[in-house]
Amino acid sequence: MWRCYLCDTATGAVRSPIDIPSLSWSLTVSDASLSTTKGKGTGEGEARSVVVPWSAVPGSTWREKASSLSAGRRALLLGWDDGGSFYPVVFGAVGSRTDTVDDTSFSLDSVMQILASRYMVREGEFYKGAAALSLSGLSLRAIAANVGWYCTEGKPGGSLPIDWGDFYEAGEHERTYWPYNVSNLACADIFEKIANVIGGPDIAFRPYMADGARVRLKFEAGSDADAYIGQRSVRTLRIGPGGNAGNASVAHLAPVSRVYATGAGSEAEELVHLAEDLSRVNAADPWPLMEETFNDSSTEDGALLAAHADGRLAADSRPMAQLTCEINLGDADAPRPGDLWPGDVVNVRFQGFPTVPDGDYALRLMQMSGDLGMSVRLKFDPFIDPMEA
């Protein structure tokens, strides 16, 4: 069954259990949409439409109840209790809260949403003529970990219960951050740009119980050699008669052949890059030309802009298909949230589906979502449409 606990946002200290009648939750590793304009993005964990009657909020006075759900200061941990084993799934700070006489309602701010309000400026280094902070000779994962540390532990009151991992992992990457460019240096935006380059790593935060009284989050990111987040085992889902996954649907999308990318500068001096693959337009049975644009006004490096555009084209240049299905937590053969995570590769076995040939497909899980019921919706990474390959 699902269980919820109130925690302190800054430390992860568990304060008390809380009985929440209903909510909807979602967990991703990156952008899970099947769209011609998507970037890879970074992982999110969120809960929405959380409505709690005042009788369920801890506290004997109104002041104590308000403190228990103090926006930003308190957090909610949602996890699956599987017969005594508790699997944390979603951790987020209490967001903007609305009170009525009978109850209070709010959504959760994920770690990425919190980091959208943290900026990559060293403490005491924001003044005219301040020097840049350069990170070089590192992996993209290590650069992201360093950025995360500067935006949390490196600021007064900035601490969050995050294990940032290896700050010194060697690589061939370099990033430079100028304080004057602060409006473009939100931590979450930097993570998204790192994830969106060609070969950029998956980035997500996964909660775990450090002990019985504290929840912490592991900063998980792929390596330079393997952009995917590591996993302990490969689960199998069976789509078809007698399978452990149901309500399957497969969406389809046509390919994009060109990406027009623009970067820093203005008018004739603006940095531009054209990424294109016209092979499908020029085929014997051609696809019509489809184009899209990409803009990042903070990018002053032509090679970096090209990498962003080429990555966008690589994601969108082929006919794609995307599986969505459901698992039932009452099925002993179905995997459990907190054991199965977005980013994991799953062996999906199709049998009898009309537009996907029978067989095993290694698909990455991109999103899990649900409510406090037994059904969990799974969305997988788009894969090359087997009917159009």
Protein backbone atom coordinates (compact mmCIF):
# COMPACT_ATOMS: atom_id res chain seq x y z
CA MET A 1 0.00 0.00 0.00
CA TRP A 2 1.04 3.61 -0.49
CA ARG A 3 2.32 5.53 2.54
CA CYS A 4 3.07 9.24 2.96
CA TYR A 5 5.38 10.98 5.42
CA LEU A 6 6.03 14.62 6.24
CA CYS A 7 9.71 15.59 6.18
CA ASP A 8 11.93 18.64 6.49
CA THR A 9 12.98 19.84 3.04
CA ALA A 10 16.48 20.96 3.99
CA THR A 11 17.53 17.87 5.96
CA GLY A 12 15.22 15.04 4.91
CA ALA A 13 14.34 14.37 8.55
CA VAL A 14 11.06 12.43 8.76
CA ARG A 15 8.59 14.24 11.03
CA SER A 16 5.46 12.08 11.00
CA PRO A 17 3.20 9.93 8.83
CA ILE A 18 0.26 11.68 7.21
CA ASP A 19 -2.96 10.18 5.88
CA ILE A 20 -3.68 11.68 2.45
CA PRO A 21 -6.99 10.64 0.86
CA SER A 22 -5.96 11.25 -2.74
CA LEU A 23 -3.18 12.52 -4.98
CA SER A 24 -1.68 11.88 -8.40
CA TRP A 25 2.06 11.37 -8.87
CA SER A 26 4.54 11.21 -11.72
CA LEU A 27 8.19 10.23 -11.96
CA THR A 28 10.40 10.77 -15.02
CA VAL A 29 14.03 10.49 -16.03
CA SER A 30 13.79 13.02 -18.87
CA ASP A 31 11.27 14.45 -21.31
CA ALA A 32 8.90 11.57 -22.03
CA SER A 33 6.78 13.26 -24.69
CA LEU A 34 6.51 12.03 -28.27
CA SER A 35 6.98 15.43 -29.87
CA THR A 36 8.80 17.02 -32.77
CA THR A 37 10.08 19.82 -30.53
CA LYS A 38 11.29 17.93 -27.51
CA GLY A 39 14.69 18.08 -25.87
CA LYS A 40 15.88 15.28 -23.65
CA GLY A 41 15.59 17.27 -20.45
CA THR A 42 16.04 15.99 -16.92
CA GLY A 43 14.12 13.86 -14.47
CA GLU A 44 11.25 15.06 -12.30
CA GLY A 45 9.33 13.60 -9.38
CA GLU A 46 6.08 15.28 -8.52
CA ALA A 47 2.71 14.88 -6.88
CA ARG A 48 -0.31 16.97 -7.82
CA SER A 49 -3.80 17.57 -6.56
CA VAL A 50 -2.87 16.78 -2.97
CA VAL A 51 -5.91 17.54 -0.79
CA VAL A 52 -5.67 16.95 2.97
CA PRO A 53 -8.47 17.48 5.51
CA TRP A 54 -7.30 19.50 8.52
CA SER A 55 -8.17 16.58 10.78
CA ALA A 56 -5.37 14.57 9.13
CA VAL A 57 -2.70 17.27 9.48
CA PRO A 58 -0.40 16.75 12.51
CA GLY A 59 -0.68 19.39 15.23
CA SER A 60 -2.95 20.26 18.13
CA THR A 61 -3.21 23.98 17.27
CA TRP A 62 -3.71 25.85 14.02
CA ARG A 63 -0.18 27.20 14.25
CA GLU A 64 1.22 23.67 14.59
CA LYS A 65 -0.89 22.41 11.68
CA ALA A 66 0.26 25.30 9.48
CA SER A 67 3.87 24.55 10.44
CA SER A 68 3.44 20.86 9.54
CA LEU A 69 2.68 21.86 5.94
CA SER A 70 4.77 25.03 5.74
CA ALA A 71 5.25 25.76 2.03
CA GLY A 72 8.85 25.17 0.97
CA ARG A 73 10.04 24.27 4.49
CA ARG A 74 8.24 20.90 4.65
CA ALA A 75 8.33 18.07 2.15
CA LEU A 76 6.26 15.00 1.39
CA LEU A 77 7.66 11.51 0.87
CA LEU A 78 5.50 9.03 -1.01
CA GLY A 79 6.47 5.38 -1.10
CA TRP A 80 5.20 1.86 -1.59
CA ASP A 81 5.04 -0.42 1.46
CA ASP A 82 5.31 -3.97 0.21
CA GLY A 83 4.61 -6.05 3.29
CA GLY A 84 7.05 -4.27 5.59
CA SER A 85 9.63 -3.16 3.01
CA PHE A 86 9.26 0.55 2.25
CA TYR A 87 10.30 1.81 -1.18
CA PRO A 88 10.55 5.63 -1.44
CA VAL A 89 9.23 6.82 -4.80
CA VAL A 90 8.56 10.59 -4.79
CA PHE A 91 10.07 13.32 -2.59
CA GLY A 92 9.17 16.97 -3.02
CA ALA A 93 8.73 20.18 -1.10
CA VAL A 94 5.24 21.42 -0.28
CA GLY A 95 4.48 23.96 -2.98
CA SER A 96 2.03 26.84 -3.03
CA ARG A 97 -0.73 25.88 -0.57
CA THR A 98 -4.39 26.89 -0.56
CA ASP A 99 -6.41 26.59 2.67
CA THR A 100 -10.16 26.36 3.20
CA VAL A 101 -12.15 25.88 6.38
CA ASP A 102 -12.24 22.11 5.79
CA ASP A 103 -8.96 21.21 4.13
CA THR A 104 -5.73 22.35 2.50
CA SER A 105 -4.47 21.60 -1.01
CA PHE A 106 -1.08 21.84 -2.72
CA SER A 107 1.25 20.24 -5.22
CA LEU A 108 4.84 19.22 -4.65
CA ASP A 109 7.89 21.06 -5.96
CA SER A 110 10.37 18.48 -7.23
CA VAL A 111 14.08 18.79 -6.59
CA MET A 112 14.49 20.07 -10.14
CA GLN A 113 11.89 22.75 -9.47
CA ILE A 114 13.77 23.81 -6.35
CA LEU A 115 17.00 23.92 -8.34
CA ALA A 116 15.31 26.13 -10.93
CA SER A 117 15.54 28.83 -8.24
CA ARG A 118 19.23 28.28 -7.49
CA TYR A 119 21.91 30.00 -9.57
CA MET A 120 25.46 29.00 -10.44
CA VAL A 121 27.27 31.90 -8.77
CA ARG A 122 29.91 31.32 -6.13
CA GLU A 123 29.11 32.86 -2.78
CA GLY A 124 30.69 36.30 -2.51
CA GLU A 125 31.58 36.40 -6.22
CA PHE A 126 28.74 38.50 -7.61
CA TYR A 127 30.12 41.96 -8.37
CA LYS A 128 31.23 43.95 -11.40
CA GLY A 129 34.25 42.33 -12.99
CA ALA A 130 33.91 39.07 -11.05
CA ALA A 131 35.87 36.20 -12.57
CA ALA A 132 34.29 33.19 -14.24
CA LEU A 133 34.11 29.78 -12.62
CA SER A 134 35.63 27.18 -14.95
CA LEU A 135 35.24 23.44 -14.59
CA SER A 136 37.58 21.50 -16.88
CA GLY A 137 39.05 18.05 -17.34
CA LEU A 138 35.87 16.49 -15.94
CA SER A 139 33.09 14.19 -17.08
CA LEU A 140 29.69 15.76 -17.73
CA ARG A 141 28.42 13.93 -14.65
CA ALA A 142 31.14 15.50 -12.50
CA ILE A 143 30.47 18.97 -13.93
CA ALA A 144 26.78 18.57 -13.05
CA ALA A 145 27.67 17.38 -9.53
CA ASN A 146 29.92 20.41 -9.00
CA VAL A 147 27.22 22.77 -10.26
CA GLY A 148 24.74 21.11 -7.91
CA TRP A 149 27.07 21.53 -4.94
CA TYR A 150 27.70 25.22 -5.64
CA CYS A 151 23.93 25.74 -5.89
CA THR A 152 23.14 23.92 -2.63
CA GLU A 153 25.86 23.29 -0.06
CA GLY A 154 27.85 26.23 -1.38
CA LYS A 155 25.15 28.74 -0.38
CA PRO A 156 23.94 29.84 3.07
CA GLY A 157 20.70 27.98 3.80
CA GLY A 158 21.10 26.14 0.50
CA SER A 159 21.54 22.62 1.84
CA LEU A 160 19.33 19.83 0.51
CA PRO A 161 19.52 16.11 1.42
CA ILE A 162 21.35 15.15 -1.78
CA ASP A 163 24.32 12.81 -2.28
CA TRP A 164 26.15 14.48 -5.16
CA GLY A 165 28.62 11.67 -5.89
CA ASP A 166 32.07 12.05 -7.47
CA PHE A 167 33.08 15.68 -8.01
CA TYR A 168 36.43 14.71 -9.57
CA GLU A 169 35.52 12.09 -12.19
CA ALA A 170 37.92 12.73 -15.05
CA GLY A 171 36.77 13.53 -18.57
CA GLU A 172 37.38 15.82 -21.52
CA HIS A 173 34.66 18.38 -20.87
CA GLU A 174 34.82 22.00 -19.82
CA ARG A 175 32.18 24.52 -18.81
CA THR A 176 32.65 28.18 -17.88
CA TYR A 177 30.10 30.17 -15.89
CA TRP A 178 30.26 33.97 -15.75
CA PRO A 179 28.45 35.73 -12.87
CA TYR A 180 27.21 38.50 -15.21
CA ASN A 181 25.23 35.83 -17.09
CA VAL A 182 23.33 34.86 -13.94
CA SER A 183 19.88 35.01 -15.56
CA ASN A 184 20.90 32.02 -17.70
CA LEU A 185 22.58 30.07 -14.91
CA ALA A 186 19.71 28.43 -13.05
CA CYS A 187 20.96 25.07 -11.81
CA ALA A 188 18.07 23.13 -13.37
CA ASP A 189 18.67 24.86 -16.73
CA ILE A 190 22.36 23.95 -16.63
CA PHE A 191 21.43 20.33 -15.94
CA GLU A 192 19.02 20.36 -18.88
CA LYS A 193 21.67 21.76 -21.23
CA ILE A 194 24.16 19.11 -20.10
CA ALA A 195 21.57 16.38 -20.67
CA ASN A 196 20.61 17.70 -24.10
CA VAL A 197 24.02 17.61 -25.79
CA ILE A 198 24.85 14.63 -27.99
CA GLY A 199 25.73 11.80 -25.63
CA GLY A 200 24.57 13.87 -22.68
CA PRO A 201 23.80 11.87 -19.53
CA ASP A 202 20.45 11.07 -18.02
CA ILE A 203 20.04 13.14 -14.83
CA ALA A 204 17.60 12.33 -12.04
CA PHE A 205 17.24 12.21 -8.25
CA ARG A 206 16.13 9.03 -6.50
CA PRO A 207 15.01 9.02 -2.85
CA TYR A 208 16.16 6.37 -0.39
CA MET A 209 15.93 5.88 3.37
CA ALA A 210 19.31 6.71 4.91
CA ASP A 211 17.95 5.30 8.17
CA GLY A 212 14.56 5.06 9.85
CA ALA A 213 14.45 8.79 10.47
CA ARG A 214 15.91 10.40 7.34
CA VAL A 215 15.28 10.34 3.62
CA ARG A 216 18.02 11.36 1.21
CA LEU A 217 18.28 11.63 -2.56
CA LYS A 218 20.94 10.15 -4.80
CA PHE A 219 22.06 12.31 -7.68
CA GLU A 220 21.98 9.78 -10.51
CA ALA A 221 23.55 10.52 -13.89
CA GLY A 222 24.94 8.56 -16.77
CA SER A 223 28.65 8.51 -17.56
CA ASP A 224 30.50 9.84 -20.59
CA ALA A 225 30.77 6.25 -21.85
CA ASP A 226 27.14 5.32 -21.12
CA ALA A 227 24.55 8.09 -20.93
CA TYR A 228 22.03 5.83 -19.20
CA ILE A 229 21.68 5.58 -15.44
CA GLY A 230 22.84 2.20 -14.16
CA GLN A 231 20.43 -0.44 -12.91
CA ARG A 232 20.63 -3.61 -10.84
CA SER A 233 18.58 -5.94 -13.04
CA VAL A 234 16.47 -6.03 -16.21
CA ARG A 235 12.75 -6.63 -15.68
CA THR A 236 10.48 -8.27 -18.26
CA LEU A 237 7.03 -6.96 -19.12
CA ARG A 238 4.72 -9.08 -21.28
CA ILE A 239 2.25 -7.36 -23.59
CA GLY A 240 -0.39 -9.83 -24.69
CA PRO A 241 -2.52 -12.72 -23.41
CA GLY A 242 -1.59 -13.62 -19.83
CA GLY A 243 0.92 -10.77 -19.64
CA ASN A 244 1.83 -8.77 -16.57
CA ALA A 245 1.15 -5.44 -18.32
CA GLY A 246 -2.14 -4.31 -19.82
CA ASN A 247 -3.96 -1.43 -21.50
CA ALA A 248 -1.13 -1.10 -24.00
CA SER A 249 -1.15 1.61 -26.66
CA VAL A 250 1.49 2.55 -29.22
CA ALA A 251 1.72 6.11 -30.58
CA HIS A 252 3.41 7.00 -33.90
CA LEU A 253 5.15 10.14 -35.17
CA ALA A 254 6.59 11.22 -38.53
CA PRO A 255 10.27 12.24 -38.83
CA VAL A 256 11.81 15.73 -38.81
CA SER A 257 14.46 16.45 -41.46
CA ARG A 258 15.82 19.85 -40.43
CA VAL A 259 16.55 21.77 -37.23
CA TYR A 260 17.34 25.50 -37.45
CA ALA A 261 19.30 26.43 -34.30
CA THR A 262 20.09 29.97 -33.12
CA GLY A 263 22.33 31.05 -30.26
CA ALA A 264 23.82 34.23 -28.83
CA GLY A 265 23.94 37.49 -30.77
CA SER A 266 21.41 39.55 -32.64
CA GLU A 267 20.28 40.03 -36.21
CA ALA A 268 23.04 39.30 -38.74
CA GLU A 269 25.54 38.52 -35.96
CA GLU A 270 23.42 35.83 -34.34
CA LEU A 271 25.06 32.43 -34.03
CA VAL A 272 23.27 29.84 -36.21
CA HIS A 273 23.56 26.17 -37.12
CA LEU A 274 21.55 24.02 -39.53
CA ALA A 275 21.25 20.32 -38.71
CA GLU A 276 19.66 18.26 -41.45
CA ASP A 277 19.09 14.74 -42.70
CA LEU A 278 17.29 14.74 -46.07
CA SER A 279 17.56 11.02 -46.74
CA ARG A 280 13.87 10.38 -46.06
CA VAL A 281 12.78 13.40 -48.07
CA ASN A 282 14.73 12.08 -51.07
CA ALA A 283 13.65 8.44 -50.70
CA ALA A 284 11.72 6.61 -53.43
CA ASP A 285 8.60 6.80 -51.24
CA PRO A 286 9.41 10.16 -49.65
CA TRP A 287 8.29 11.73 -46.45
CA PRO A 288 7.27 15.38 -46.71
CA LEU A 289 9.80 17.85 -45.35
CA MET A 290 9.27 18.74 -41.70
CA GLU A 291 11.38 21.41 -39.99
CA GLU A 292 11.72 22.74 -36.46
CA THR A 293 13.62 25.48 -34.65
CA PHE A 294 15.77 25.53 -31.54
CA ASN A 295 16.95 28.64 -29.69
CA ASP A 296 19.41 29.09 -26.84
CA SER A 297 20.41 32.75 -26.58
CA SER A 298 22.94 31.93 -23.83
CA THR A 299 25.07 29.72 -26.10
CA GLU A 300 28.10 31.61 -27.45
CA ASP A 301 30.02 28.50 -28.50
CA GLY A 302 29.28 27.41 -32.08
CA ALA A 303 30.34 23.82 -31.43
CA LEU A 304 28.04 23.62 -28.41
CA LEU A 305 25.11 25.04 -30.39
CA ALA A 306 25.77 22.51 -33.16
CA ALA A 307 25.84 19.70 -30.60
CA HIS A 308 22.45 20.79 -29.24
CA ALA A 309 20.93 20.97 -32.73
CA ASP A 310 22.44 17.68 -33.87
CA GLY A 311 21.12 16.02 -30.73
CA ARG A 312 17.64 17.36 -31.41
CA LEU A 313 17.78 16.09 -35.00
CA ALA A 314 19.07 12.68 -33.92
CA ALA A 315 16.06 12.32 -31.63
CA ASP A 316 13.50 13.35 -34.24
CA SER A 317 14.87 12.32 -37.66
CA ARG A 318 13.31 8.83 -37.85
CA PRO A 319 9.71 7.58 -37.73
CA MET A 320 9.15 6.78 -34.07
CA ALA A 321 6.78 4.72 -31.96
CA GLN A 322 6.14 4.90 -28.22
CA LEU A 323 4.61 2.34 -25.87
CA THR A 324 2.39 3.21 -22.93
CA CYS A 325 0.95 0.49 -20.70
CA GLU A 326 -0.18 -0.24 -17.13
CA ILE A 327 0.87 -2.60 -14.36
CA ASN A 328 -1.27 -3.69 -11.42
CA LEU A 329 0.48 -3.67 -8.04
CA GLY A 330 -1.86 -6.45 -6.94
CA ASP A 331 -0.11 -8.73 -9.45
CA ALA A 332 2.76 -10.50 -7.69
CA ASP A 333 4.50 -10.81 -11.08
CA ALA A 334 4.50 -7.04 -11.70
CA PRO A 335 7.51 -4.87 -10.73
CA ARG A 336 7.15 -2.32 -7.94
CA PRO A 337 7.81 1.45 -8.00
CA GLY A 338 10.94 2.15 -6.00
CA ASP A 339 12.45 -1.07 -7.36
CA LEU A 340 11.74 -0.23 -11.00
CA TRP A 341 12.78 3.33 -11.92
CA PRO A 342 12.46 5.61 -14.93
CA GLY A 343 15.72 5.24 -16.84
CA ASP A 344 15.77 1.46 -16.43
CA VAL A 345 15.92 -0.68 -19.54
CA VAL A 346 13.00 -3.12 -19.59
CA ASN A 347 12.64 -6.21 -21.75
CA VAL A 348 9.19 -5.74 -23.29
CA ARG A 349 7.79 -8.89 -24.87
CA PHE A 350 5.10 -8.18 -27.48
CA GLN A 351 2.72 -10.91 -28.53
CA GLY A 352 -0.30 -10.38 -30.76
CA PHE A 353 -0.09 -6.58 -30.95
CA PRO A 354 -1.24 -5.53 -34.45
CA THR A 355 1.44 -2.95 -35.35
CA VAL A 356 4.45 -4.30 -33.42
CA PRO A 357 5.88 -7.64 -34.58
CA ASP A 358 6.07 -10.34 -31.90
CA GLY A 359 9.35 -10.42 -30.05
CA ASP A 360 11.43 -8.88 -27.29
CA TYR A 361 12.24 -5.16 -27.36
CA ALA A 362 14.74 -3.49 -25.03
CA LEU A 363 12.91 -0.25 -24.14
CA ARG A 364 13.84 2.37 -21.58
CA LEU A 365 11.20 3.35 -19.08
CA MET A 366 10.85 7.13 -19.13
CA GLN A 367 7.86 7.84 -16.89
CA MET A 368 5.79 6.21 -14.16
CA SER A 369 2.59 7.79 -12.93
CA GLY A 370 -0.42 6.92 -10.84
CA ASP A 371 -2.45 7.82 -7.78
CA LEU A 372 -2.93 6.01 -4.48
CA GLY A 373 -4.54 3.05 -6.23
CA MET A 374 -3.08 -0.20 -7.52
CA SER A 375 -2.62 0.83 -11.17
CA VAL A 376 0.65 2.41 -12.37
CA ARG A 377 1.00 3.87 -15.86
CA LEU A 378 4.32 3.31 -17.66
CA LYS A 379 5.59 5.34 -20.61
CA PHE A 380 8.67 4.22 -22.54
CA ASP A 381 11.29 5.98 -24.61
CA PRO A 382 10.33 6.35 -28.29
CA PHE A 383 11.82 3.63 -30.45
CA ILE A 384 12.19 3.29 -34.19
CA ASP A 385 8.78 2.44 -35.63
CA PRO A 386 9.16 -1.24 -36.62
CA MET A 387 6.56 -0.82 -39.39
CA GLU A 388 8.52 2.06 -40.95
CA ALA A 389 12.11 0.93 -40.40
